[in-house]
Amino acid sequence: MLEEDFLPQKKKPQLKPLANLSIDELNAYIDELKSEILRTEDEIKKKKASADAASLFFKK
């Protein structure tokens, strides 16, 4: 695990234009975003678990 995995990324994602999307498309987009949030939260949990395990191994 690299230190940069824990550093915030400087590049912000591009916002998707919403004005031309239908209500169904907007709901589908929300579902995609929720799925991505869950995936991101899982990755955070993995990284925290890895960092916690490393801190136990390299206890001061």
PDB file of N, CA and C in Angstrom:
ATOM      1  N   MET A   1       0.854  -1.169   0.000  1.00  0.00           N
ATOM      2  CA  MET A   1       0.000   0.000   0.000  1.00  0.00           C
ATOM      3  C   MET A   1       0.902   1.234   0.000  1.00  0.00           C
ATOM      4  N   LEU A   2       0.603   2.138  -0.879  1.00  0.00           N
ATOM      5  CA  LEU A   2       1.404   3.340  -1.014  1.00  0.00           C
ATOM      6  C   LEU A   2       0.779   4.493  -0.245  1.00  0.00           C
ATOM      7  N   GLU A   3       1.637   5.418   0.160  1.00  0.00           N
ATOM      8  CA  GLU A   3       1.159   6.576   0.916  1.00  0.00           C
ATOM      9  C   GLU A   3       0.128   7.371   0.108  1.00  0.00           C
ATOM     10  N   GLU A   4       0.331   7.425  -1.214  1.00  0.00           N
ATOM     11  CA  GLU A   4      -0.604   8.204  -2.038  1.00  0.00           C
ATOM     12  C   GLU A   4      -2.017   7.618  -2.056  1.00  0.00           C
ATOM     13  N   ASP A   5      -2.161   6.351  -1.656  1.00  0.00           N
ATOM     14  CA  ASP A   5      -3.495   5.767  -1.539  1.00  0.00           C
ATOM     15  C   ASP A   5      -4.318   6.469  -0.471  1.00  0.00           C
ATOM     16  N   PHE A   6      -3.652   7.082   0.483  1.00  0.00           N
ATOM     17  CA  PHE A   6      -4.338   7.735   1.587  1.00  0.00           C
ATOM     18  C   PHE A   6      -4.456   9.249   1.383  1.00  0.00           C
ATOM     19  N   LEU A   7      -3.795   9.768   0.368  1.00  0.00           N
ATOM     20  CA  LEU A   7      -3.844  11.202   0.118  1.00  0.00           C
ATOM     21  C   LEU A   7      -5.050  11.541  -0.758  1.00  0.00           C
ATOM     22  N   PRO A   8      -5.671  12.683  -0.508  1.00  0.00           N
ATOM     23  CA  PRO A   8      -6.821  13.064  -1.342  1.00  0.00           C
ATOM     24  C   PRO A   8      -6.382  13.328  -2.781  1.00  0.00           C
ATOM     25  N   GLN A   9      -7.224  12.981  -3.703  1.00  0.00           N
ATOM     26  CA  GLN A   9      -6.950  13.234  -5.110  1.00  0.00           C
ATOM     27  C   GLN A   9      -7.293  14.686  -5.412  1.00  0.00           C
ATOM     28  N   LYS A  10      -6.485  15.341  -6.203  1.00  0.00           N
ATOM     29  CA  LYS A  10      -6.681  16.761  -6.472  1.00  0.00           C
ATOM     30  C   LYS A  10      -7.680  17.005  -7.597  1.00  0.00           C
ATOM     31  N   LYS A  11      -7.827  16.048  -8.498  1.00  0.00           N
ATOM     32  CA  LYS A  11      -8.699  16.230  -9.648  1.00  0.00           C
ATOM     33  C   LYS A  11     -10.142  15.895  -9.271  1.00  0.00           C
ATOM     34  N   LYS A  12     -11.055  16.833  -9.504  1.00  0.00           N
ATOM     35  CA  LYS A  12     -12.464  16.593  -9.218  1.00  0.00           C
ATOM     36  C   LYS A  12     -13.126  15.986 -10.445  1.00  0.00           C
ATOM     37  N   PRO A  13     -14.094  15.094 -10.229  1.00  0.00           N
ATOM     38  CA  PRO A  13     -14.768  14.486 -11.385  1.00  0.00           C
ATOM     39  C   PRO A  13     -15.619  15.511 -12.141  1.00  0.00           C
ATOM     40  N   GLN A  14     -15.760  15.268 -13.428  1.00  0.00           N
ATOM     41  CA  GLN A  14     -16.606  16.127 -14.253  1.00  0.00           C
ATOM     42  C   GLN A  14     -18.063  15.903 -13.887  1.00  0.00           C
ATOM     43  N   LEU A  15     -18.813  16.980 -13.762  1.00  0.00           N
ATOM     44  CA  LEU A  15     -20.238  16.863 -13.476  1.00  0.00           C
ATOM     45  C   LEU A  15     -20.991  16.511 -14.757  1.00  0.00           C
ATOM     46  N   LYS A  16     -21.940  15.626 -14.614  1.00  0.00           N
ATOM     47  CA  LYS A  16     -22.744  15.196 -15.749  1.00  0.00           C
ATOM     48  C   LYS A  16     -23.877  16.199 -15.954  1.00  0.00           C
ATOM     49  N   PRO A  17     -24.099  16.662 -17.180  1.00  0.00           N
ATOM     50  CA  PRO A  17     -25.225  17.569 -17.411  1.00  0.00           C
ATOM     51  C   PRO A  17     -26.546  16.834 -17.189  1.00  0.00           C
ATOM     52  N   LEU A  18     -27.414  17.396 -16.373  1.00  0.00           N
ATOM     53  CA  LEU A  18     -28.644  16.722 -15.981  1.00  0.00           C
ATOM     54  C   LEU A  18     -29.892  17.255 -16.680  1.00  0.00           C
ATOM     55  N   ALA A  19     -29.826  18.433 -17.246  1.00  0.00           N
ATOM     56  CA  ALA A  19     -31.004  19.105 -17.781  1.00  0.00           C
ATOM     57  C   ALA A  19     -31.715  18.301 -18.871  1.00  0.00           C
ATOM     58  N   ASN A  20     -30.958  17.575 -19.676  1.00  0.00           N
ATOM     59  CA  ASN A  20     -31.566  16.861 -20.801  1.00  0.00           C
ATOM     60  C   ASN A  20     -31.955  15.427 -20.476  1.00  0.00           C
ATOM     61  N   LEU A  21     -31.793  15.003 -19.227  1.00  0.00           N
ATOM     62  CA  LEU A  21     -32.129  13.629 -18.845  1.00  0.00           C
ATOM     63  C   LEU A  21     -33.579  13.545 -18.382  1.00  0.00           C
ATOM     64  N   SER A  22     -34.204  12.422 -18.701  1.00  0.00           N
ATOM     65  CA  SER A  22     -35.572  12.195 -18.244  1.00  0.00           C
ATOM     66  C   SER A  22     -35.563  11.804 -16.766  1.00  0.00           C
ATOM     67  N   ILE A  23     -36.730  11.749 -16.173  1.00  0.00           N
ATOM     68  CA  ILE A  23     -36.834  11.352 -14.766  1.00  0.00           C
ATOM     69  C   ILE A  23     -36.306   9.930 -14.589  1.00  0.00           C
ATOM     70  N   ASP A  24     -36.648   9.024 -15.499  1.00  0.00           N
ATOM     71  CA  ASP A  24     -36.140   7.649 -15.413  1.00  0.00           C
ATOM     72  C   ASP A  24     -34.621   7.611 -15.524  1.00  0.00           C
ATOM     73  N   GLU A  25     -34.068   8.418 -16.419  1.00  0.00           N
ATOM     74  CA  GLU A  25     -32.612   8.463 -16.567  1.00  0.00           C
ATOM     75  C   GLU A  25     -31.953   9.057 -15.319  1.00  0.00           C
ATOM     76  N   LEU A  26     -32.601  10.047 -14.733  1.00  0.00           N
ATOM     77  CA  LEU A  26     -32.070  10.632 -13.500  1.00  0.00           C
ATOM     78  C   LEU A  26     -32.095   9.613 -12.360  1.00  0.00           C
ATOM     79  N   ASN A  27     -33.185   8.852 -12.250  1.00  0.00           N
ATOM     80  CA  ASN A  27     -33.257   7.811 -11.219  1.00  0.00           C
ATOM     81  C   ASN A  27     -32.202   6.732 -11.448  1.00  0.00           C
ATOM     82  N   ALA A  28     -31.978   6.367 -12.704  1.00  0.00           N
ATOM     83  CA  ALA A  28     -30.939   5.385 -13.019  1.00  0.00           C
ATOM     84  C   ALA A  28     -29.567   5.937 -12.652  1.00  0.00           C
ATOM     85  N   TYR A  29     -29.351   7.212 -12.909  1.00  0.00           N
ATOM     86  CA  TYR A  29     -28.084   7.860 -12.569  1.00  0.00           C
ATOM     87  C   TYR A  29     -27.873   7.867 -11.057  1.00  0.00           C
ATOM     88  N   ILE A  30     -28.925   8.145 -10.311  1.00  0.00           N
ATOM     89  CA  ILE A  30     -28.843   8.101  -8.846  1.00  0.00           C
ATOM     90  C   ILE A  30     -28.452   6.701  -8.386  1.00  0.00           C
ATOM     91  N   ASP A  31     -29.053   5.675  -8.982  1.00  0.00           N
ATOM     92  CA  ASP A  31     -28.714   4.295  -8.623  1.00  0.00           C
ATOM     93  C   ASP A  31     -27.244   4.001  -8.902  1.00  0.00           C
ATOM     94  N   GLU A  32     -26.736   4.486 -10.045  1.00  0.00           N
ATOM     95  CA  GLU A  32     -25.319   4.308 -10.372  1.00  0.00           C
ATOM     96  C   GLU A  32     -24.429   4.984  -9.324  1.00  0.00           C
ATOM     97  N   LEU A  33     -24.814   6.201  -8.947  1.00  0.00           N
ATOM     98  CA  LEU A  33     -24.020   6.943  -7.959  1.00  0.00           C
ATOM     99  C   LEU A  33     -24.037   6.255  -6.600  1.00  0.00           C
ATOM    100  N   LYS A  34     -25.195   5.742  -6.191  1.00  0.00           N
ATOM    101  CA  LYS A  34     -25.285   5.022  -4.918  1.00  0.00           C
ATOM    102  C   LYS A  34     -24.399   3.785  -4.940  1.00  0.00           C
ATOM    103  N   SER A  35     -24.405   3.094  -6.069  1.00  0.00           N
ATOM    104  CA  SER A  35     -23.558   1.914  -6.215  1.00  0.00           C
ATOM    105  C   SER A  35     -22.080   2.293  -6.106  1.00  0.00           C
ATOM    106  N   GLU A  36     -21.719   3.401  -6.718  1.00  0.00           N
ATOM    107  CA  GLU A  36     -20.327   3.862  -6.656  1.00  0.00           C
ATOM    108  C   GLU A  36     -19.956   4.284  -5.238  1.00  0.00           C
ATOM    109  N   ILE A  37     -20.889   4.881  -4.519  1.00  0.00           N
ATOM    110  CA  ILE A  37     -20.639   5.247  -3.116  1.00  0.00           C
ATOM    111  C   ILE A  37     -20.372   4.002  -2.288  1.00  0.00           C
ATOM    112  N   LEU A  38     -21.177   2.972  -2.474  1.00  0.00           N
ATOM    113  CA  LEU A  38     -20.976   1.720  -1.731  1.00  0.00           C
ATOM    114  C   LEU A  38     -19.620   1.101  -2.059  1.00  0.00           C
ATOM    115  N   ARG A  39     -19.259   1.124  -3.340  1.00  0.00           N
ATOM    116  CA  ARG A  39     -17.968   0.571  -3.764  1.00  0.00           C
ATOM    117  C   ARG A  39     -16.827   1.360  -3.134  1.00  0.00           C
ATOM    118  N   THR A  40     -16.978   2.667  -3.084  1.00  0.00           N
ATOM    119  CA  THR A  40     -15.952   3.530  -2.498  1.00  0.00           C
ATOM    120  C   THR A  40     -15.840   3.302  -0.995  1.00  0.00           C
ATOM    121  N   GLU A  41     -16.973   3.176  -0.320  1.00  0.00           N
ATOM    122  CA  GLU A  41     -16.959   2.916   1.122  1.00  0.00           C
ATOM    123  C   GLU A  41     -16.301   1.571   1.430  1.00  0.00           C
ATOM    124  N   ASP A  42     -16.531   0.565   0.588  1.00  0.00           N
ATOM    125  CA  ASP A  42     -15.876  -0.733   0.771  1.00  0.00           C
ATOM    126  C   ASP A  42     -14.357  -0.601   0.632  1.00  0.00           C
ATOM    127  N   GLU A  43     -13.931   0.190  -0.327  1.00  0.00           N
ATOM    128  CA  GLU A  43     -12.494   0.386  -0.526  1.00  0.00           C
ATOM    129  C   GLU A  43     -11.875   1.109   0.674  1.00  0.00           C
ATOM    130  N   ILE A  44     -12.598   2.078   1.223  1.00  0.00           N
ATOM    131  CA  ILE A  44     -12.120   2.786   2.415  1.00  0.00           C
ATOM    132  C   ILE A  44     -11.966   1.809   3.570  1.00  0.00           C
ATOM    133  N   LYS A  45     -12.952   0.921   3.748  1.00  0.00           N
ATOM    134  CA  LYS A  45     -12.876  -0.080   4.820  1.00  0.00           C
ATOM    135  C   LYS A  45     -11.656  -0.975   4.648  1.00  0.00           C
ATOM    136  N   LYS A  46     -11.390  -1.397   3.413  1.00  0.00           N
ATOM    137  CA  LYS A  46     -10.230  -2.250   3.140  1.00  0.00           C
ATOM    138  C   LYS A  46      -8.932  -1.525   3.483  1.00  0.00           C
ATOM    139  N   LYS A  47      -8.846  -0.270   3.072  1.00  0.00           N
ATOM    140  CA  LYS A  47      -7.622   0.492   3.324  1.00  0.00           C
ATOM    141  C   LYS A  47      -7.433   0.757   4.811  1.00  0.00           C
ATOM    142  N   LYS A  48      -8.519   1.034   5.520  1.00  0.00           N
ATOM    143  CA  LYS A  48      -8.413   1.241   6.968  1.00  0.00           C
ATOM    144  C   LYS A  48      -7.990  -0.048   7.665  1.00  0.00           C
ATOM    145  N   ALA A  49      -8.557  -1.175   7.235  1.00  0.00           N
ATOM    146  CA  ALA A  49      -8.186  -2.459   7.836  1.00  0.00           C
ATOM    147  C   ALA A  49      -6.706  -2.753   7.594  1.00  0.00           C
ATOM    148  N   SER A  50      -6.250  -2.453   6.400  1.00  0.00           N
ATOM    149  CA  SER A  50      -4.841  -2.670   6.075  1.00  0.00           C
ATOM    150  C   SER A  50      -3.939  -1.761   6.911  1.00  0.00           C
ATOM    151  N   ALA A  51      -4.343  -0.519   7.044  1.00  0.00           N
ATOM    152  CA  ALA A  51      -3.556   0.428   7.848  1.00  0.00           C
ATOM    153  C   ALA A  51      -3.565   0.022   9.316  1.00  0.00           C
ATOM    154  N   ASP A  52      -4.705  -0.432   9.813  1.00  0.00           N
ATOM    155  CA  ASP A  52      -4.794  -0.877  11.205  1.00  0.00           C
ATOM    156  C   ASP A  52      -3.903  -2.096  11.447  1.00  0.00           C
ATOM    157  N   ALA A  53      -3.920  -3.042  10.495  1.00  0.00           N
ATOM    158  CA  ALA A  53      -3.079  -4.233  10.637  1.00  0.00           C
ATOM    159  C   ALA A  53      -1.598  -3.838  10.624  1.00  0.00           C
ATOM    160  N   ALA A  54      -1.256  -2.920   9.759  1.00  0.00           N
ATOM    161  CA  ALA A  54       0.137  -2.481   9.697  1.00  0.00           C
ATOM    162  C   ALA A  54       0.543  -1.762  10.974  1.00  0.00           C
ATOM    163  N   SER A  55      -0.347  -0.964  11.529  1.00  0.00           N
ATOM    164  CA  SER A  55       0.003  -0.235  12.737  1.00  0.00           C
ATOM    165  C   SER A  55       0.172  -1.194  13.929  1.00  0.00           C
ATOM    166  N   LEU A  56      -0.574  -2.302  13.941  1.00  0.00           N
ATOM    167  CA  LEU A  56      -0.379  -3.297  14.987  1.00  0.00           C
ATOM    168  C   LEU A  56       0.960  -4.014  14.836  1.00  0.00           C
ATOM    169  N   PHE A  57       1.315  -4.277  13.589  1.00  0.00           N
ATOM    170  CA  PHE A  57       2.577  -4.973  13.309  1.00  0.00           C
ATOM    171  C   PHE A  57       3.767  -4.072  13.654  1.00  0.00           C
ATOM    172  N   PHE A  58       3.664  -2.802  13.328  1.00  0.00           N
ATOM    173  CA  PHE A  58       4.747  -1.865  13.548  1.00  0.00           C
ATOM    174  C   PHE A  58       4.472  -1.003  14.771  1.00  0.00           C
ATOM    175  N   LYS A  59       3.915  -1.604  15.776  1.00  0.00           N
ATOM    176  CA  LYS A  59       3.543  -0.887  17.003  1.00  0.00           C
ATOM    177  C   LYS A  59       4.759  -0.202  17.608  1.00  0.00           C
ATOM    178  N   LYS A  60       4.556   1.029  18.066  1.00  0.00           N
ATOM    179  CA  LYS A  60       5.669   1.793  18.653  1.00  0.00           C
ATOM    180  C   LYS A  60       5.875   1.432  20.095  1.00  0.00           C
TER     181      LYS A  60
END
